C-alpha atoms as a PDB file:
ATOM      1  CA  MET A   1     -24.855  -5.350  -1.860  1.00  0.00           C
ATOM      2  CA  LYS A   2     -21.487  -5.866  -3.810  1.00  0.00           C
ATOM      3  CA  VAL A   3     -19.705  -2.989  -5.510  1.00  0.00           C
ATOM      4  CA  THR A   4     -16.916  -2.976  -7.937  1.00  0.00           C
ATOM      5  CA  LEU A   5     -15.348   0.606  -8.421  1.00  0.00           C
ATOM      6  CA  THR A   6     -12.562   1.093 -11.080  1.00  0.00           C
ATOM      7  CA  ILE A   7      -9.245   2.987  -9.534  1.00  0.00           C
ATOM      8  CA  PRO A   8      -6.542   4.403 -11.751  1.00  0.00           C
ATOM      9  CA  ASP A   9      -3.562   2.989 -11.558  1.00  0.00           C
ATOM     10  CA  ALA A  10      -2.542   6.471 -11.530  1.00  0.00           C
ATOM     11  CA  GLN A  11      -4.068   7.603  -8.417  1.00  0.00           C
ATOM     12  CA  ILE A  12      -3.205   4.346  -6.659  1.00  0.00           C
ATOM     13  CA  GLU A  13       0.621   4.935  -7.648  1.00  0.00           C
ATOM     14  CA  ASN A  14      -0.049   8.617  -6.225  1.00  0.00           C
ATOM     15  CA  VAL A  15      -0.905   7.200  -3.180  1.00  0.00           C
ATOM     16  CA  LEU A  16       1.762   4.650  -3.157  1.00  0.00           C
ATOM     17  CA  GLU A  17       4.397   7.294  -3.334  1.00  0.00           C
ATOM     18  CA  SER A  18       3.135   9.072  -0.403  1.00  0.00           C
ATOM     19  CA  ALA A  19       4.663   6.326   1.598  1.00  0.00           C
ATOM     20  CA  SER A  20       7.901   6.668   0.965  1.00  0.00           C
ATOM     21  CA  SER A  21       8.524   8.131   4.429  1.00  0.00           C
ATOM     22  CA  THR A  22       6.512   5.286   6.047  1.00  0.00           C
ATOM     23  CA  ASP A  23       8.300   4.125   9.578  1.00  0.00           C
ATOM     24  CA  TRP A  24       8.490   0.020   9.483  1.00  0.00           C
ATOM     25  CA  ALA A  25       9.515  -0.437   5.814  1.00  0.00           C
ATOM     26  CA  ARG A  26      11.991   0.945   2.991  1.00  0.00           C
ATOM     27  CA  ILE A  27      11.986  -0.318  -0.516  1.00  0.00           C
ATOM     28  CA  ILE A  28      14.990  -2.435  -1.224  1.00  0.00           C
ATOM     29  CA  ARG A  29      13.621  -2.828  -4.722  1.00  0.00           C
ATOM     30  CA  TYR A  30      11.970  -2.850  -7.600  1.00  0.00           C
ATOM     31  CA  GLU A  31      10.890  -5.709  -9.961  1.00  0.00           C
ATOM     32  CA  VAL A  32      10.610  -4.528 -13.721  1.00  0.00           C
ATOM     33  CA  ALA A  33       7.554  -5.079 -15.595  1.00  0.00           C
ATOM     34  CA  LYS A  34       4.293  -3.421 -16.746  1.00  0.00           C
ATOM     35  CA  THR A  35       2.865  -2.470 -13.626  1.00  0.00           C
ATOM     36  CA  LEU A  36       3.241  -0.029 -10.148  1.00  0.00           C
ATOM     37  CA  LYS A  37       5.107   2.631 -12.771  1.00  0.00           C
ATOM     38  CA  GLY A  38       6.838  -0.067 -14.662  1.00  0.00           C
ATOM     39  CA  HIS A  39       7.815  -2.307 -11.835  1.00  0.00           C
ATOM     40  CA  ASP A  40       6.253  -5.547 -11.469  1.00  0.00           C
ATOM     41  CA  ALA A  41       6.896  -5.742  -7.385  1.00  0.00           C
ATOM     42  CA  ILE A  42       7.891  -3.297  -4.511  1.00  0.00           C
ATOM     43  CA  VAL A  43      10.538  -5.370  -2.341  1.00  0.00           C
ATOM     44  CA  LEU A  44       9.941  -4.010   1.389  1.00  0.00           C
ATOM     45  CA  GLU A  45      12.390  -5.129   4.174  1.00  0.00           C
ATOM     46  CA  ASP A  46      10.717  -4.769   6.937  1.00  0.00           C
ATOM     47  CA  TRP A  47      11.874  -2.567  10.487  1.00  0.00           C
ATOM     48  CA  GLY A  48       9.097  -2.597  12.461  1.00  0.00           C
ATOM     49  CA  ASP A  49       9.296  -1.303  15.483  1.00  0.00           C
ATOM     50  CA  GLU A  50      12.845  -2.914  15.975  1.00  0.00           C
ATOM     51  CA  ASN A  51      16.316  -2.169  14.985  1.00  0.00           C
ATOM     52  CA  GLU A  52      16.539  -4.766  12.532  1.00  0.00           C
ATOM     53  CA  SER A  53      15.082  -6.118   9.707  1.00  0.00           C
ATOM     54  CA  GLN A  54      12.296  -7.926  10.647  1.00  0.00           C
ATOM     55  CA  GLY A  55      11.951  -9.631   7.138  1.00  0.00           C
ATOM     56  CA  ARG A  56      10.875  -8.965   3.326  1.00  0.00           C
ATOM     57  CA  HIS A  57       7.374  -8.461   1.747  1.00  0.00           C
ATOM     58  CA  ARG A  58       6.909  -8.165  -1.996  1.00  0.00           C
ATOM     59  CA  VAL A  59       4.157  -6.577  -2.883  1.00  0.00           C
ATOM     60  CA  THR A  60       2.171  -6.347  -6.334  1.00  0.00           C
ATOM     61  CA  LYS A  61      -0.659  -5.515  -8.041  1.00  0.00           C
ATOM     62  CA  SER A  62      -2.586  -8.124  -6.705  1.00  0.00           C
ATOM     63  CA  SER A  63      -1.832  -7.692  -3.056  1.00  0.00           C
ATOM     64  CA  ILE A  64      -2.470  -4.326  -3.116  1.00  0.00           C
ATOM     65  CA  ALA A  65      -5.949  -4.825  -5.040  1.00  0.00           C
ATOM     66  CA  LYS A  66      -6.378  -7.167  -1.984  1.00  0.00           C
ATOM     67  CA  GLY A  67      -4.910  -4.459   0.360  1.00  0.00           C
ATOM     68  CA  ILE A  68      -7.670  -1.589  -1.059  1.00  0.00           C
ATOM     69  CA  ALA A  69     -10.452  -4.276  -0.436  1.00  0.00           C
ATOM     70  CA  ILE A  70      -9.371  -4.938   3.213  1.00  0.00           C
ATOM     71  CA  LEU A  71      -9.453  -0.781   3.733  1.00  0.00           C
ATOM     72  CA  ALA A  72     -13.212  -0.870   2.121  1.00  0.00           C
ATOM     73  CA  GLU A  73     -14.585  -3.169   4.389  1.00  0.00           C
ATOM     74  CA  LYS A  74     -12.869  -2.578   7.563  1.00  0.00           C
ATOM     75  CA  TYR A  75     -11.445   0.776   7.704  1.00  0.00           C
ATOM     76  CA  PRO A  76     -13.957   2.329   5.089  1.00  0.00           C
ATOM     77  CA  HIS A  77     -12.829   6.125   6.239  1.00  0.00           C
ATOM     78  CA  LEU A  78      -9.262   5.547   5.409  1.00  0.00           C
ATOM     79  CA  PHE A  79     -10.636   3.709   2.016  1.00  0.00           C
ATOM     80  CA  GLU A  80     -12.600   7.024   1.788  1.00  0.00           C
ATOM     81  CA  GLN A  81      -8.645   8.656   1.395  1.00  0.00           C
ATOM     82  CA  ILE A  82      -7.687   6.895  -1.348  1.00  0.00           C
ATOM     83  CA  ILE A  83      -9.867   7.109  -3.255  1.00  0.00           C
ATOM     84  CA  ASN A  84     -10.868  10.900  -2.883  1.00  0.00           C
ATOM     85  CA  GLU A  85      -7.603  12.318  -4.303  1.00  0.00           C
ATOM     86  CA  ASN A  86      -7.665  15.334  -2.709  1.00  0.00           C
ATOM     87  CA  THR A  87      -7.620  13.715   1.144  1.00  0.00           C
ATOM     88  CA  THR A  88      -4.468  11.885  -0.019  1.00  0.00           C
ATOM     89  CA  ASP A  89      -1.527  12.017   1.979  1.00  0.00           C
ATOM     90  CA  MET A  90       1.382   9.928   3.781  1.00  0.00           C
ATOM     91  CA  TYR A  91      -0.640   7.863   5.820  1.00  0.00           C
ATOM     92  CA  SER A  92      -2.916   7.137   3.255  1.00  0.00           C
ATOM     93  CA  GLY A  93      -0.055   5.172   1.727  1.00  0.00           C
ATOM     94  CA  ASP A  94       1.095   3.773   4.746  1.00  0.00           C
ATOM     95  CA  TYR A  95      -2.353   1.956   5.456  1.00  0.00           C
ATOM     96  CA  LEU A  96      -2.275   0.348   2.029  1.00  0.00           C
ATOM     97  CA  LEU A  97       0.751  -0.964   2.408  1.00  0.00           C
ATOM     98  CA  GLN A  98       0.398  -2.552   5.553  1.00  0.00           C
ATOM     99  CA  CYS A  99      -3.219  -3.977   4.593  1.00  0.00           C
ATOM    100  CA  ALA A 100      -1.136  -5.392   1.741  1.00  0.00           C
ATOM    101  CA  VAL A 101       1.192  -6.959   3.481  1.00  0.00           C
ATOM    102  CA  PHE A 102      -0.556  -8.036   6.449  1.00  0.00           C
ATOM    103  CA  GLY A 103      -4.048  -7.858   5.450  1.00  0.00           C
ATOM    104  CA  GLU A 104      -4.360  -5.045   8.571  1.00  0.00           C
ATOM    105  CA  LEU A 105      -3.413  -2.461  10.476  1.00  0.00           C
ATOM    106  CA  LYS A 106      -0.040  -3.576  12.116  1.00  0.00           C
ATOM    107  CA  TYR A 107       1.813  -0.382  13.108  1.00  0.00           C
ATOM    108  CA  SER A 108      -0.549   2.627  13.216  1.00  0.00           C
END
């Protein structure tokens, strides 16, 4: 059964803000437009488990939507945290970013 769920942008923005202390990536710039709190994309630098950069990733509203779908399919208990605002923490945002960038949890 396929179910469609609308999650308000503000709720996703709150989840992403909670990921600001992620260990594997740092936000290096925002690309301006009209999504993601006035930004079209967030550009992350991936530090992974290393002491030097592993590359950069551009996170867009589209990749975030794909990340949410991956969470719902592969990690439903984590998806539940995203849609239930009362349980959102820094890990929720981190896991959403990982699924948006890598299509899976790479650093957990």
